[in-house]
Amino acid sequence: MTEVADVAADTRRERIVSMVLEHEFVRVTDLAGLFGVTSVTIRADLELLDRQGSLRRVRGGAIPARPTRQAEPSFEVSLGSAAVEKTRLARHAAALVVSGESLVIDAGTTTTFLARALVARPELTDVVVFTNSLRVAVELEPAIPRVTVLLTGGTLRPATHALVDPMGALMLDRINADTVFLACHGVDAVSGVTGVNLLEAEMRRRMLGAARRHVVVADSSKLGRTGLAPVCALPEVDLLITGAEADPGTVAALRDEGLTIDLVP
């Protein structure tokens, strides 16, 4: 572990979850020193994350959360998973965006990294972003007014900080954006692109109809996986951006179906 002092509370908690997943046990005293805060603050963080199901609070520190019946991990846990790979994918996706472009950005952890990557491109101007993600909107806030951010509205799903129907798709039905960046649970040669939640999958289908270019950004663990909720067939995807760690056989099967794939090292 390296020193990461003076970070915002939400960022600190995301990193704590990531450290717990990586090291399997972290101590309160170690975290306090790493983040430059008191042990009282770290204990409060761990108690909050325990209530959210992101980790399990134990005497002296925290361990990974116990497996549950919930098929969908919390947003915070997913954000810490494969963070290095997701950062690479996000930078690659952000490089596709040009000034003056209109975007639709889906709710998800990889798309949250994409929002950060867009903010890190100060030369981008006059970009309009439509999103159903509270997290994406907050990440993009530092880029205003270079980037105009519009939230779809709708009902909030706490698990992913996503806005869904009812009312979630009204804006999407009235726009013609240049590019949509979609997150997903899985990309499979037979099942296509899938999610785990039916309401979010419906929003993603509306997003596909609201943009001309369809880009799926998914870390390599998502390839070959199938979720409960269908989003679209592979022919509807113009580009899949994933990590070079992806299984070669799975990549070959997807390409055999005509899918264009960027493998990001």
C-alpha atoms as a PDB file:
ATOM      1  CA  MET A   1       0.000   0.000   0.000  1.00  0.00           C
ATOM      2  CA  THR A   2       1.164   3.519  -0.718  1.00  0.00           C
ATOM      3  CA  GLU A   3       0.208   6.787   0.958  1.00  0.00           C
ATOM      4  CA  VAL A   4      -3.004   8.345  -0.355  1.00  0.00           C
ATOM      5  CA  ALA A   5      -3.705  11.181   2.076  1.00  0.00           C
ATOM      6  CA  ASP A   6      -6.212  14.046   1.764  1.00  0.00           C
ATOM      7  CA  VAL A   7      -8.701  12.356  -0.555  1.00  0.00           C
ATOM      8  CA  ALA A   8     -12.434  13.063  -0.609  1.00  0.00           C
ATOM      9  CA  ALA A   9     -14.600  10.878   1.625  1.00  0.00           C
ATOM     10  CA  ASP A  10     -16.335   9.007  -1.207  1.00  0.00           C
ATOM     11  CA  THR A  11     -13.027   8.384  -2.981  1.00  0.00           C
ATOM     12  CA  ARG A  12     -11.446   7.232   0.281  1.00  0.00           C
ATOM     13  CA  ARG A  13     -14.247   4.723   0.802  1.00  0.00           C
ATOM     14  CA  GLU A  14     -13.926   3.404  -2.751  1.00  0.00           C
ATOM     15  CA  ARG A  15     -10.213   2.837  -2.173  1.00  0.00           C
ATOM     16  CA  ILE A  16     -10.863   1.161   1.169  1.00  0.00           C
ATOM     17  CA  VAL A  17     -13.174  -1.338  -0.545  1.00  0.00           C
ATOM     18  CA  SER A  18     -10.540  -1.961  -3.210  1.00  0.00           C
ATOM     19  CA  MET A  19      -7.863  -2.534  -0.561  1.00  0.00           C
ATOM     20  CA  VAL A  20     -10.061  -4.957   1.370  1.00  0.00           C
ATOM     21  CA  LEU A  21     -10.685  -6.955  -1.795  1.00  0.00           C
ATOM     22  CA  GLU A  22      -6.966  -6.988  -2.610  1.00  0.00           C
ATOM     23  CA  HIS A  23      -5.541  -7.713   0.859  1.00  0.00           C
ATOM     24  CA  GLU A  24      -8.511  -9.637   2.378  1.00  0.00           C
ATOM     25  CA  PHE A  25      -7.998  -7.849   5.707  1.00  0.00           C
ATOM     26  CA  VAL A  26      -7.128  -4.225   6.471  1.00  0.00           C
ATOM     27  CA  ARG A  27      -6.547  -2.636   9.888  1.00  0.00           C
ATOM     28  CA  VAL A  28      -8.164   0.565  11.089  1.00  0.00           C
ATOM     29  CA  THR A  29      -4.798   1.936  12.218  1.00  0.00           C
ATOM     30  CA  ASP A  30      -3.170   1.218   8.860  1.00  0.00           C
ATOM     31  CA  LEU A  31      -5.996   2.910   6.936  1.00  0.00           C
ATOM     32  CA  ALA A  32      -5.910   5.940   9.214  1.00  0.00           C
ATOM     33  CA  GLY A  33      -2.210   6.401   8.527  1.00  0.00           C
ATOM     34  CA  LEU A  34      -2.558   5.834   4.792  1.00  0.00           C
ATOM     35  CA  PHE A  35      -5.361   8.359   4.343  1.00  0.00           C
ATOM     36  CA  GLY A  36      -4.179  10.887   6.902  1.00  0.00           C
ATOM     37  CA  VAL A  37      -7.399  10.806   8.940  1.00  0.00           C
ATOM     38  CA  THR A  38      -8.300   9.688  12.459  1.00  0.00           C
ATOM     39  CA  SER A  39      -9.199   6.141  13.458  1.00  0.00           C
ATOM     40  CA  VAL A  40     -12.663   7.460  14.365  1.00  0.00           C
ATOM     41  CA  THR A  41     -13.161   8.570  10.741  1.00  0.00           C
ATOM     42  CA  ILE A  42     -12.022   5.193   9.384  1.00  0.00           C
ATOM     43  CA  ARG A  43     -14.329   3.320  11.774  1.00  0.00           C
ATOM     44  CA  ALA A  44     -17.237   5.451  10.558  1.00  0.00           C
ATOM     45  CA  ASP A  45     -16.277   4.657   6.947  1.00  0.00           C
ATOM     46  CA  LEU A  46     -16.136   0.922   7.686  1.00  0.00           C
ATOM     47  CA  GLU A  47     -19.478   0.960   9.472  1.00  0.00           C
ATOM     48  CA  LEU A  48     -21.110   2.737   6.518  1.00  0.00           C
ATOM     49  CA  LEU A  49     -19.563   0.342   4.000  1.00  0.00           C
ATOM     50  CA  ASP A  50     -20.633  -2.613   6.157  1.00  0.00           C
ATOM     51  CA  ARG A  51     -24.241  -1.378   6.116  1.00  0.00           C
ATOM     52  CA  GLN A  52     -24.022  -1.021   2.330  1.00  0.00           C
ATOM     53  CA  GLY A  53     -22.729  -4.575   2.019  1.00  0.00           C
ATOM     54  CA  SER A  54     -19.440  -3.443   0.460  1.00  0.00           C
ATOM     55  CA  LEU A  55     -17.317  -5.117   3.141  1.00  0.00           C
ATOM     56  CA  ARG A  56     -17.626  -6.765   6.566  1.00  0.00           C
ATOM     57  CA  ARG A  57     -16.605  -4.795   9.649  1.00  0.00           C
ATOM     58  CA  VAL A  58     -14.626  -6.928  12.129  1.00  0.00           C
ATOM     59  CA  ARG A  59     -12.661  -6.180  15.294  1.00  0.00           C
ATOM     60  CA  GLY A  60      -9.692  -3.990  14.383  1.00  0.00           C
ATOM     61  CA  GLY A  61     -10.493  -3.636  10.683  1.00  0.00           C
ATOM     62  CA  ALA A  62     -12.497  -5.090   7.796  1.00  0.00           C
ATOM     63  CA  ILE A  63     -12.659  -8.132   5.522  1.00  0.00           C
ATOM     64  CA  PRO A  64     -14.508  -8.776   2.231  1.00  0.00           C
ATOM     65  CA  ALA A  65     -18.280  -9.016   2.507  1.00  0.00           C
ATOM     66  CA  ARG A  66     -19.783 -12.442   2.940  1.00  0.00           C
ATOM     67  CA  PRO A  67     -21.278 -13.961  -0.209  1.00  0.00           C
ATOM     68  CA  THR A  68     -25.005 -13.257  -0.398  1.00  0.00           C
ATOM     69  CA  ARG A  69     -27.865 -14.238  -2.633  1.00  0.00           C
ATOM     70  CA  GLN A  70     -27.699 -10.853  -4.300  1.00  0.00           C
ATOM     71  CA  ALA A  71     -26.609 -11.315  -7.907  1.00  0.00           C
ATOM     72  CA  GLU A  72     -25.756  -7.650  -8.316  1.00  0.00           C
ATOM     73  CA  PRO A  73     -22.731  -6.334  -6.358  1.00  0.00           C
ATOM     74  CA  SER A  74     -22.845  -2.873  -4.874  1.00  0.00           C
ATOM     75  CA  PHE A  75     -21.593  -0.035  -7.023  1.00  0.00           C
ATOM     76  CA  GLU A  76     -18.718   0.643  -4.629  1.00  0.00           C
ATOM     77  CA  VAL A  77     -17.476  -2.953  -4.746  1.00  0.00           C
ATOM     78  CA  SER A  78     -17.713  -3.020  -8.542  1.00  0.00           C
ATOM     79  CA  LEU A  79     -15.852   0.283  -8.775  1.00  0.00           C
ATOM     80  CA  GLY A  80     -12.899  -1.181  -6.902  1.00  0.00           C
ATOM     81  CA  SER A  81     -12.890  -4.363  -8.989  1.00  0.00           C
ATOM     82  CA  ALA A  82     -10.473  -4.319 -11.959  1.00  0.00           C
ATOM     83  CA  ALA A  83      -9.923  -0.605 -11.392  1.00  0.00           C
ATOM     84  CA  VAL A  84      -6.606  -0.524 -13.276  1.00  0.00           C
ATOM     85  CA  GLU A  85      -8.098  -2.204 -16.344  1.00  0.00           C
ATOM     86  CA  LYS A  86     -11.204  -0.013 -16.239  1.00  0.00           C
ATOM     87  CA  THR A  87      -9.025   3.093 -16.151  1.00  0.00           C
ATOM     88  CA  ARG A  88      -7.218   1.952 -19.315  1.00  0.00           C
ATOM     89  CA  LEU A  89     -10.495   1.204 -21.089  1.00  0.00           C
ATOM     90  CA  ALA A  90     -11.921   4.562 -20.053  1.00  0.00           C
ATOM     91  CA  ARG A  91      -8.963   6.490 -21.435  1.00  0.00           C
ATOM     92  CA  HIS A  92      -9.214   4.577 -24.717  1.00  0.00           C
ATOM     93  CA  ALA A  93     -12.946   5.320 -24.952  1.00  0.00           C
ATOM     94  CA  ALA A  94     -12.461   8.984 -24.064  1.00  0.00           C
ATOM     95  CA  ALA A  95      -9.927   9.319 -26.877  1.00  0.00           C
ATOM     96  CA  LEU A  96     -12.734   8.553 -29.358  1.00  0.00           C
ATOM     97  CA  VAL A  97     -14.634  11.699 -28.362  1.00  0.00           C
ATOM     98  CA  VAL A  98     -14.145  14.945 -30.285  1.00  0.00           C
ATOM     99  CA  SER A  99     -15.164  18.511 -29.476  1.00  0.00           C
ATOM    100  CA  GLY A 100     -18.728  19.328 -30.431  1.00  0.00           C
ATOM    101  CA  GLU A 101     -19.926  15.754 -30.022  1.00  0.00           C
ATOM    102  CA  SER A 102     -23.083  14.699 -28.182  1.00  0.00           C
ATOM    103  CA  LEU A 103     -22.862  11.601 -25.976  1.00  0.00           C
ATOM    104  CA  VAL A 104     -25.115   9.279 -24.029  1.00  0.00           C
ATOM    105  CA  ILE A 105     -23.284   7.679 -21.089  1.00  0.00           C
ATOM    106  CA  ASP A 106     -24.815   4.731 -19.273  1.00  0.00           C
ATOM    107  CA  ALA A 107     -24.694   4.118 -15.526  1.00  0.00           C
ATOM    108  CA  GLY A 108     -21.868   1.806 -14.506  1.00  0.00           C
ATOM    109  CA  THR A 109     -18.461   1.635 -12.914  1.00  0.00           C
ATOM    110  CA  THR A 110     -16.474   1.591 -16.162  1.00  0.00           C
ATOM    111  CA  THR A 111     -18.489   4.521 -17.484  1.00  0.00           C
ATOM    112  CA  THR A 112     -17.724   6.367 -14.250  1.00  0.00           C
ATOM    113  CA  PHE A 113     -14.043   5.964 -15.099  1.00  0.00           C
ATOM    114  CA  LEU A 114     -14.914   7.205 -18.599  1.00  0.00           C
ATOM    115  CA  ALA A 115     -16.374  10.398 -17.140  1.00  0.00           C
ATOM    116  CA  ARG A 116     -13.133  10.982 -15.231  1.00  0.00           C
ATOM    117  CA  ALA A 117     -11.138  10.416 -18.412  1.00  0.00           C
ATOM    118  CA  LEU A 118     -13.233  12.985 -20.273  1.00  0.00           C
ATOM    119  CA  VAL A 119     -12.628  15.562 -17.546  1.00  0.00           C
ATOM    120  CA  ALA A 120      -8.891  14.884 -17.894  1.00  0.00           C
ATOM    121  CA  ARG A 121      -9.019  16.087 -21.539  1.00  0.00           C
ATOM    122  CA  PRO A 122      -9.034  19.889 -21.157  1.00  0.00           C
ATOM    123  CA  GLU A 123      -8.930  20.401 -24.924  1.00  0.00           C
ATOM    124  CA  LEU A 124     -12.455  18.974 -25.285  1.00  0.00           C
ATOM    125  CA  THR A 125     -15.094  21.683 -25.677  1.00  0.00           C
ATOM    126  CA  ASP A 126     -18.788  21.938 -26.566  1.00  0.00           C
ATOM    127  CA  VAL A 127     -19.478  18.336 -25.564  1.00  0.00           C
ATOM    128  CA  VAL A 128     -23.029  17.490 -24.509  1.00  0.00           C
ATOM    129  CA  VAL A 129     -23.555  14.464 -22.269  1.00  0.00           C
ATOM    130  CA  PHE A 130     -26.893  12.823 -21.501  1.00  0.00           C
ATOM    131  CA  THR A 131     -26.698  10.315 -18.647  1.00  0.00           C
ATOM    132  CA  ASN A 132     -28.915   8.346 -16.283  1.00  0.00           C
ATOM    133  CA  SER A 133     -26.075   8.057 -13.758  1.00  0.00           C
ATOM    134  CA  LEU A 134     -25.764  10.332 -10.741  1.00  0.00           C
ATOM    135  CA  ARG A 135     -22.133   9.270 -10.374  1.00  0.00           C
ATOM    136  CA  VAL A 136     -21.284  10.077 -13.992  1.00  0.00           C
ATOM    137  CA  ALA A 137     -22.931  13.486 -13.650  1.00  0.00           C
ATOM    138  CA  VAL A 138     -20.938  14.319 -10.512  1.00  0.00           C
ATOM    139  CA  GLU A 139     -17.677  13.140 -12.101  1.00  0.00           C
ATOM    140  CA  LEU A 140     -18.316  15.428 -15.095  1.00  0.00           C
ATOM    141  CA  GLU A 141     -19.152  18.466 -12.980  1.00  0.00           C
ATOM    142  CA  PRO A 142     -15.548  19.844 -12.938  1.00  0.00           C
ATOM    143  CA  ALA A 143     -15.637  20.007 -16.761  1.00  0.00           C
ATOM    144  CA  ILE A 144     -18.636  22.362 -16.865  1.00  0.00           C
ATOM    145  CA  PRO A 145     -19.015  24.592 -18.961  1.00  0.00           C
ATOM    146  CA  ARG A 146     -16.774  22.758 -21.482  1.00  0.00           C
ATOM    147  CA  VAL A 147     -19.164  19.839 -21.037  1.00  0.00           C
ATOM    148  CA  THR A 148     -22.923  20.268 -20.703  1.00  0.00           C
ATOM    149  CA  VAL A 149     -24.442  17.575 -18.484  1.00  0.00           C
ATOM    150  CA  LEU A 150     -28.117  16.564 -18.705  1.00  0.00           C
ATOM    151  CA  LEU A 151     -29.662  13.949 -16.410  1.00  0.00           C
ATOM    152  CA  THR A 152     -32.466  11.830 -17.819  1.00  0.00           C
ATOM    153  CA  GLY A 153     -34.585  11.941 -14.688  1.00  0.00           C
ATOM    154  CA  GLY A 154     -36.528   8.940 -13.460  1.00  0.00           C
ATOM    155  CA  THR A 155     -36.566   6.654 -10.438  1.00  0.00           C
ATOM    156  CA  LEU A 156     -33.291   6.194  -8.548  1.00  0.00           C
ATOM    157  CA  ARG A 157     -31.833   2.697  -8.062  1.00  0.00           C
ATOM    158  CA  PRO A 158     -29.536   2.957  -5.017  1.00  0.00           C
ATOM    159  CA  ALA A 159     -27.530  -0.152  -5.947  1.00  0.00           C
ATOM    160  CA  THR A 160     -26.036   1.535  -9.021  1.00  0.00           C
ATOM    161  CA  HIS A 161     -26.991   5.209  -8.553  1.00  0.00           C
ATOM    162  CA  ALA A 162     -28.907   4.912 -11.852  1.00  0.00           C
ATOM    163  CA  LEU A 163     -32.107   6.620 -12.944  1.00  0.00           C
ATOM    164  CA  VAL A 164     -34.641   4.288 -14.578  1.00  0.00           C
ATOM    165  CA  ASP A 165     -38.303   4.163 -15.585  1.00  0.00           C
ATOM    166  CA  PRO A 166     -40.897   5.375 -14.869  1.00  0.00           C
ATOM    167  CA  MET A 167     -40.053   8.699 -16.500  1.00  0.00           C
ATOM    168  CA  GLY A 168     -36.410   7.744 -17.108  1.00  0.00           C
ATOM    169  CA  ALA A 169     -36.580   7.377 -20.874  1.00  0.00           C
ATOM    170  CA  LEU A 170     -38.585  10.484 -21.819  1.00  0.00           C
ATOM    171  CA  MET A 171     -35.506  12.540 -22.706  1.00  0.00           C
ATOM    172  CA  LEU A 172     -33.834   9.669 -24.560  1.00  0.00           C
ATOM    173  CA  ASP A 173     -36.840   9.293 -26.843  1.00  0.00           C
ATOM    174  CA  ARG A 174     -36.394  12.908 -28.000  1.00  0.00           C
ATOM    175  CA  ILE A 175     -32.688  13.121 -28.874  1.00  0.00           C
ATOM    176  CA  ASN A 176     -30.320  12.037 -31.653  1.00  0.00           C
ATOM    177  CA  ALA A 177     -26.862  11.847 -30.074  1.00  0.00           C
ATOM    178  CA  ASP A 178     -23.626  10.965 -31.822  1.00  0.00           C
ATOM    179  CA  THR A 179     -22.352   8.172 -29.560  1.00  0.00           C
ATOM    180  CA  VAL A 180     -23.627   6.048 -26.702  1.00  0.00           C
ATOM    181  CA  PHE A 181     -21.206   4.413 -24.261  1.00  0.00           C
ATOM    182  CA  LEU A 182     -22.846   1.423 -22.613  1.00  0.00           C
ATOM    183  CA  ALA A 183     -21.853  -0.582 -19.554  1.00  0.00           C
ATOM    184  CA  CYS A 184     -23.040  -4.175 -19.119  1.00  0.00           C
ATOM    185  CA  HIS A 185     -22.913  -7.359 -17.059  1.00  0.00           C
ATOM    186  CA  GLY A 186     -21.866  -9.600 -19.911  1.00  0.00           C
ATOM    187  CA  VAL A 187     -21.003  -9.885 -23.614  1.00  0.00           C
ATOM    188  CA  ASP A 188     -21.511 -13.328 -25.114  1.00  0.00           C
ATOM    189  CA  ALA A 189     -21.343 -14.664 -28.671  1.00  0.00           C
ATOM    190  CA  VAL A 190     -24.801 -16.240 -28.306  1.00  0.00           C
ATOM    191  CA  SER A 191     -26.611 -14.086 -25.740  1.00  0.00           C
ATOM    192  CA  GLY A 192     -25.251 -10.739 -26.923  1.00  0.00           C
ATOM    193  CA  VAL A 193     -25.027  -7.862 -24.445  1.00  0.00           C
ATOM    194  CA  THR A 194     -26.846  -8.412 -21.152  1.00  0.00           C
ATOM    195  CA  GLY A 195     -27.372  -6.813 -17.742  1.00  0.00           C
ATOM    196  CA  VAL A 196     -28.587  -8.018 -14.358  1.00  0.00           C
ATOM    197  CA  ASN A 197     -31.477  -5.597 -13.847  1.00  0.00           C
ATOM    198  CA  LEU A 198     -34.496  -5.418 -16.126  1.00  0.00           C
ATOM    199  CA  LEU A 199     -35.158  -1.702 -15.601  1.00  0.00           C
ATOM    200  CA  GLU A 200     -31.571  -0.727 -16.387  1.00  0.00           C
ATOM    201  CA  ALA A 201     -31.550  -3.015 -19.423  1.00  0.00           C
ATOM    202  CA  GLU A 202     -34.637  -1.208 -20.735  1.00  0.00           C
ATOM    203  CA  MET A 203     -32.864   2.136 -20.295  1.00  0.00           C
ATOM    204  CA  ARG A 204     -29.885   0.800 -22.237  1.00  0.00           C
ATOM    205  CA  ARG A 205     -32.150  -0.255 -25.107  1.00  0.00           C
ATOM    206  CA  ARG A 206     -33.565   3.288 -25.183  1.00  0.00           C
ATOM    207  CA  MET A 207     -30.026   4.674 -25.185  1.00  0.00           C
ATOM    208  CA  LEU A 208     -29.170   2.574 -28.237  1.00  0.00           C
ATOM    209  CA  GLY A 209     -32.109   4.149 -30.046  1.00  0.00           C
ATOM    210  CA  ALA A 210     -30.972   7.635 -29.044  1.00  0.00           C
ATOM    211  CA  ALA A 211     -27.488   7.518 -30.635  1.00  0.00           C
ATOM    212  CA  ARG A 212     -25.941   6.728 -34.002  1.00  0.00           C
ATOM    213  CA  ARG A 213     -22.733   5.002 -32.813  1.00  0.00           C
ATOM    214  CA  HIS A 214     -22.970   2.247 -30.214  1.00  0.00           C
ATOM    215  CA  VAL A 215     -19.899   1.540 -28.055  1.00  0.00           C
ATOM    216  CA  VAL A 216     -19.824  -1.031 -25.253  1.00  0.00           C
ATOM    217  CA  VAL A 217     -17.077  -0.617 -22.659  1.00  0.00           C
ATOM    218  CA  ALA A 218     -16.571  -3.770 -20.581  1.00  0.00           C
ATOM    219  CA  ASP A 219     -13.634  -5.147 -18.630  1.00  0.00           C
ATOM    220  CA  SER A 220     -12.331  -8.557 -19.681  1.00  0.00           C
ATOM    221  CA  SER A 221     -14.171 -10.424 -16.897  1.00  0.00           C
ATOM    222  CA  LYS A 222     -17.487  -9.558 -18.602  1.00  0.00           C
ATOM    223  CA  LEU A 223     -16.686 -11.482 -21.801  1.00  0.00           C
ATOM    224  CA  GLY A 224     -18.458 -14.816 -22.122  1.00  0.00           C
ATOM    225  CA  ARG A 225     -20.830 -13.923 -19.286  1.00  0.00           C
ATOM    226  CA  THR A 226     -24.634 -13.790 -19.592  1.00  0.00           C
ATOM    227  CA  GLY A 227     -26.934 -11.806 -17.308  1.00  0.00           C
ATOM    228  CA  LEU A 228     -30.661 -12.017 -16.674  1.00  0.00           C
ATOM    229  CA  ALA A 229     -31.687  -8.982 -18.717  1.00  0.00           C
ATOM    230  CA  PRO A 230     -31.044  -8.848 -22.495  1.00  0.00           C
ATOM    231  CA  VAL A 231     -29.853  -5.483 -23.828  1.00  0.00           C
ATOM    232  CA  CYS A 232     -29.063  -6.059 -27.498  1.00  0.00           C
ATOM    233  CA  ALA A 233     -27.693  -8.502 -30.050  1.00  0.00           C
ATOM    234  CA  LEU A 234     -24.072  -8.202 -31.164  1.00  0.00           C
ATOM    235  CA  PRO A 235     -24.908  -6.734 -34.616  1.00  0.00           C
ATOM    236  CA  GLU A 236     -26.296  -3.648 -32.835  1.00  0.00           C
ATOM    237  CA  VAL A 237     -22.857  -2.891 -31.328  1.00  0.00           C
ATOM    238  CA  ASP A 238     -20.402  -0.887 -33.437  1.00  0.00           C
ATOM    239  CA  LEU A 239     -17.439  -1.359 -31.112  1.00  0.00           C
ATOM    240  CA  LEU A 240     -16.532  -3.284 -27.981  1.00  0.00           C
ATOM    241  CA  ILE A 241     -13.684  -1.881 -25.882  1.00  0.00           C
ATOM    242  CA  THR A 242     -12.171  -4.408 -23.491  1.00  0.00           C
ATOM    243  CA  GLY A 243      -8.855  -5.334 -21.928  1.00  0.00           C
ATOM    244  CA  ALA A 244      -6.042  -7.291 -23.533  1.00  0.00           C
ATOM    245  CA  GLU A 245      -6.443  -9.746 -20.611  1.00  0.00           C
ATOM    246  CA  ALA A 246      -9.588 -11.106 -22.293  1.00  0.00           C
ATOM    247  CA  ASP A 247      -9.696 -14.822 -23.066  1.00  0.00           C
ATOM    248  CA  PRO A 248      -8.485 -15.260 -26.682  1.00  0.00           C
ATOM    249  CA  GLY A 249     -11.055 -17.945 -27.425  1.00  0.00           C
ATOM    250  CA  THR A 250     -13.924 -15.753 -26.282  1.00  0.00           C
ATOM    251  CA  VAL A 251     -12.580 -12.813 -28.261  1.00  0.00           C
ATOM    252  CA  ALA A 252     -12.312 -14.987 -31.372  1.00  0.00           C
ATOM    253  CA  ALA A 253     -15.897 -16.211 -30.945  1.00  0.00           C
ATOM    254  CA  LEU A 254     -17.174 -12.641 -30.654  1.00  0.00           C
ATOM    255  CA  ARG A 255     -15.212 -11.551 -33.715  1.00  0.00           C
ATOM    256  CA  ASP A 256     -16.577 -14.525 -35.626  1.00  0.00           C
ATOM    257  CA  GLU A 257     -20.021 -13.009 -34.995  1.00  0.00           C
ATOM    258  CA  GLY A 258     -18.852  -9.806 -36.702  1.00  0.00           C
ATOM    259  CA  LEU A 259     -18.156  -7.760 -33.569  1.00  0.00           C
ATOM    260  CA  THR A 260     -15.414  -5.134 -33.853  1.00  0.00           C
ATOM    261  CA  ILE A 261     -13.212  -5.243 -30.729  1.00  0.00           C
ATOM    262  CA  ASP A 262     -10.496  -2.935 -29.443  1.00  0.00           C
ATOM    263  CA  LEU A 263      -8.204  -4.828 -27.051  1.00  0.00           C
ATOM    264  CA  VAL A 264      -6.592  -2.253 -24.779  1.00  0.00           C
ATOM    265  CA  PRO A 265      -3.191  -3.238 -23.308  1.00  0.00           C
END
